[in-house]
Amino acid sequence: MLLPALIDGNGPPLTQSLAILEYLEEQYPEPPLLPSAPRARAHVRAVAQTGAIDAHPFVTPRVRGYLERELHLDEATRAKWLQHWLDAATRVVEDLLSSDKRTGRFCYGDNPTIADICLFAHLTSAKMLYGCDLDPYPTVKRIYEVCEQEEAFAAAHPLQQPDAVPTA
């Protein structure tokens, strides 16, 4: 099982996406990935964790493989499972962001945070795995499209990575 890893030359690789993002925030505080106020930090973490913790574990290749090998679920049933969890998390984030006056160009204000990084990864997975339609989630869709225009997000897209499997 491969986990996301950060190799920075300062010790053994770091794993787990949120732990890596927190490490980067602490090691390289400019530009900040979290707001300075504790309540705002908690809000940004909650948005980030909705996709990264509430949904992503259900759709990893390891879980999908288990559903196939151990539970003998067919592809259509596995796809329904995957879409359910990704859509459920997207709905929660939409509801959080669309009703919050702190939502700006990004999930929190006008600069990207950990929430945007996790949302972008979540929605990229949903789009790649089942062609998620973002129209029912207008706030999330708008933020995703803003992120797509940012060089750092575009460069981090899974299909831009050296080990990416070309799509047909």
Protein backbone atom coordinates (compact mmCIF):
# COMPACT_ATOMS: atom_id res chain seq x y z
CA MET A 1 0.00 0.00 0.00
CA LEU A 2 1.46 3.32 -1.06
CA LEU A 3 0.70 6.39 0.99
CA PRO A 4 1.28 9.99 0.00
CA ALA A 5 4.79 10.77 1.18
CA LEU A 6 6.95 13.84 1.58
CA ILE A 7 10.69 13.37 1.31
CA ASP A 8 12.45 16.58 2.25
CA GLY A 9 15.94 15.44 3.27
CA ASN A 10 15.33 16.09 6.98
CA GLY A 11 14.59 12.52 8.03
CA PRO A 12 12.36 9.63 7.09
CA PRO A 13 9.48 10.28 4.69
CA LEU A 14 6.37 11.87 6.13
CA THR A 15 3.05 10.21 5.32
CA GLN A 16 -0.64 11.07 5.46
CA SER A 17 -1.86 14.11 3.57
CA LEU A 18 -3.10 16.20 6.50
CA ALA A 19 0.03 15.52 8.53
CA ILE A 20 2.14 16.59 5.54
CA LEU A 21 0.10 19.77 5.11
CA GLU A 22 0.42 20.63 8.82
CA TYR A 23 4.18 19.99 8.63
CA LEU A 24 4.48 22.29 5.60
CA GLU A 25 2.50 24.99 7.44
CA GLU A 26 4.86 24.77 10.41
CA GLN A 27 8.07 24.43 8.41
CA TYR A 28 7.25 27.01 5.74
CA PRO A 29 4.74 29.45 7.27
CA GLU A 30 4.73 31.84 4.32
CA PRO A 31 2.34 31.92 2.65
CA PRO A 32 0.17 30.57 5.48
CA LEU A 33 -2.03 27.55 4.83
CA LEU A 34 -4.09 28.20 7.96
CA PRO A 35 -5.56 31.46 9.26
CA SER A 36 -4.04 32.87 12.45
CA ALA A 37 -7.20 32.96 14.60
CA PRO A 38 -7.93 29.67 16.43
CA ARG A 39 -11.64 29.58 15.49
CA ALA A 40 -10.85 30.27 11.84
CA ARG A 41 -8.15 27.56 11.90
CA ALA A 42 -10.72 25.10 13.27
CA HIS A 43 -13.16 26.03 10.50
CA VAL A 44 -10.53 25.54 7.78
CA ARG A 45 -9.51 22.21 9.31
CA ALA A 46 -13.16 21.09 9.42
CA VAL A 47 -13.64 21.85 5.72
CA ALA A 48 -10.38 20.06 4.90
CA GLN A 49 -11.24 17.03 6.98
CA THR A 50 -14.68 16.59 5.44
CA GLY A 51 -13.15 15.33 2.21
CA ALA A 52 -9.87 13.98 3.52
CA ILE A 53 -11.28 12.05 6.48
CA ASP A 54 -15.03 11.66 5.96
CA ALA A 55 -14.93 10.54 2.32
CA HIS A 56 -11.48 9.74 0.97
CA PRO A 57 -10.89 6.59 3.08
CA PHE A 58 -14.01 5.03 1.55
CA VAL A 59 -12.80 5.42 -2.03
CA THR A 60 -9.14 4.45 -1.89
CA PRO A 61 -7.94 1.62 -4.14
CA ARG A 62 -7.40 -0.50 -1.01
CA VAL A 63 -11.06 -0.17 0.01
CA ARG A 64 -12.35 -0.59 -3.54
CA GLY A 65 -10.23 -3.73 -3.87
CA TYR A 66 -11.67 -5.09 -0.63
CA LEU A 67 -15.20 -4.46 -1.86
CA GLU A 68 -14.36 -6.43 -4.99
CA ARG A 69 -12.23 -9.29 -3.61
CA GLU A 70 -13.78 -9.90 -0.20
CA LEU A 71 -17.38 -8.73 -0.58
CA HIS A 72 -17.62 -9.66 -4.29
CA LEU A 73 -19.40 -6.45 -5.21
CA ASP A 74 -19.70 -5.91 -8.94
CA GLU A 75 -18.32 -2.80 -10.64
CA ALA A 76 -21.70 -1.04 -10.74
CA THR A 77 -22.22 -1.52 -7.00
CA ARG A 78 -18.67 -0.40 -6.19
CA ALA A 79 -19.17 2.69 -8.38
CA LYS A 80 -22.41 3.48 -6.54
CA TRP A 81 -20.57 3.16 -3.19
CA LEU A 82 -17.77 5.46 -4.36
CA GLN A 83 -20.12 8.09 -5.76
CA HIS A 84 -22.25 8.06 -2.61
CA TRP A 85 -19.35 8.90 -0.30
CA LEU A 86 -17.78 11.48 -2.58
CA ASP A 87 -21.10 13.20 -3.25
CA ALA A 88 -22.05 13.15 0.44
CA ALA A 89 -18.83 14.93 1.41
CA THR A 90 -19.18 17.41 -1.45
CA ARG A 91 -22.70 18.26 -0.26
CA VAL A 92 -21.46 18.86 3.29
CA VAL A 93 -18.69 21.17 2.05
CA GLU A 94 -21.12 23.02 -0.22
CA ASP A 95 -23.48 23.57 2.71
CA LEU A 96 -20.62 24.76 4.94
CA LEU A 97 -19.15 27.17 2.42
CA SER A 98 -22.30 28.53 0.76
CA SER A 99 -23.72 29.75 4.07
CA ASP A 100 -20.50 31.13 5.55
CA LYS A 101 -19.61 34.79 5.10
CA ARG A 102 -15.91 33.91 5.45
CA THR A 103 -15.98 32.08 2.12
CA GLY A 104 -14.27 34.22 -0.49
CA ARG A 105 -12.45 33.39 -3.67
CA PHE A 106 -11.33 30.28 -1.81
CA CYS A 107 -12.81 28.22 1.02
CA TYR A 108 -11.70 30.83 3.54
CA GLY A 109 -11.09 34.30 2.23
CA ASP A 110 -9.08 35.15 -0.85
CA ASN A 111 -5.98 32.99 -0.36
CA PRO A 112 -5.75 29.22 -0.59
CA THR A 113 -5.66 27.22 2.63
CA ILE A 114 -5.44 23.59 3.62
CA ALA A 115 -9.20 23.45 3.00
CA ASP A 116 -8.71 24.35 -0.67
CA ILE A 117 -5.92 21.81 -1.10
CA CYS A 118 -8.12 19.04 0.34
CA LEU A 119 -11.20 20.19 -1.58
CA PHE A 120 -9.27 20.27 -4.83
CA ALA A 121 -7.93 16.75 -4.23
CA HIS A 122 -11.40 15.50 -3.28
CA LEU A 123 -13.08 16.97 -6.35
CA THR A 124 -10.28 15.90 -8.67
CA SER A 125 -10.81 12.32 -7.45
CA ALA A 126 -14.57 12.63 -7.96
CA LYS A 127 -14.12 13.96 -11.47
CA MET A 128 -11.52 11.34 -12.42
CA LEU A 129 -13.32 8.37 -10.83
CA TYR A 130 -16.87 9.00 -12.03
CA GLY A 131 -17.07 12.30 -13.87
CA CYS A 132 -18.70 14.15 -10.98
CA ASP A 133 -21.04 16.92 -12.08
CA LEU A 134 -20.29 19.96 -9.92
CA ASP A 135 -23.36 21.94 -11.03
CA PRO A 136 -25.38 20.95 -7.91
CA TYR A 137 -22.58 22.47 -5.80
CA PRO A 138 -22.16 26.04 -7.10
CA THR A 139 -19.87 27.35 -4.34
CA VAL A 140 -17.65 24.28 -4.46
CA LYS A 141 -17.60 24.41 -8.26
CA ARG A 142 -16.57 28.06 -8.27
CA ILE A 143 -13.74 27.44 -5.79
CA TYR A 144 -12.57 24.38 -7.73
CA GLU A 145 -12.43 26.43 -10.93
CA VAL A 146 -10.45 29.17 -9.16
CA CYS A 147 -8.00 26.55 -7.90
CA GLU A 148 -7.65 25.09 -11.40
CA GLN A 149 -6.36 28.48 -12.57
CA GLU A 150 -3.64 28.58 -9.89
CA GLU A 151 -0.28 27.26 -11.07
CA ALA A 152 0.41 25.32 -7.86
CA PHE A 153 -2.88 23.43 -8.10
CA ALA A 154 -2.45 22.72 -11.81
CA ALA A 155 1.09 21.40 -11.21
CA ALA A 156 -0.11 19.17 -8.37
CA HIS A 157 -2.88 17.53 -10.45
CA PRO A 158 -2.44 13.73 -10.41
CA LEU A 159 -2.22 13.56 -14.20
CA GLN A 160 0.71 16.02 -14.12
CA GLN A 161 2.84 13.76 -11.92
CA PRO A 162 5.79 11.85 -13.39
CA ASP A 163 4.24 8.48 -12.50
CA ALA A 164 0.78 9.33 -13.86
CA VAL A 165 -0.90 6.69 -15.95
CA PRO A 166 -1.94 8.29 -19.26
CA THR A 167 -5.69 8.44 -19.82
CA ALA A 168 -7.30 7.23 -23.01
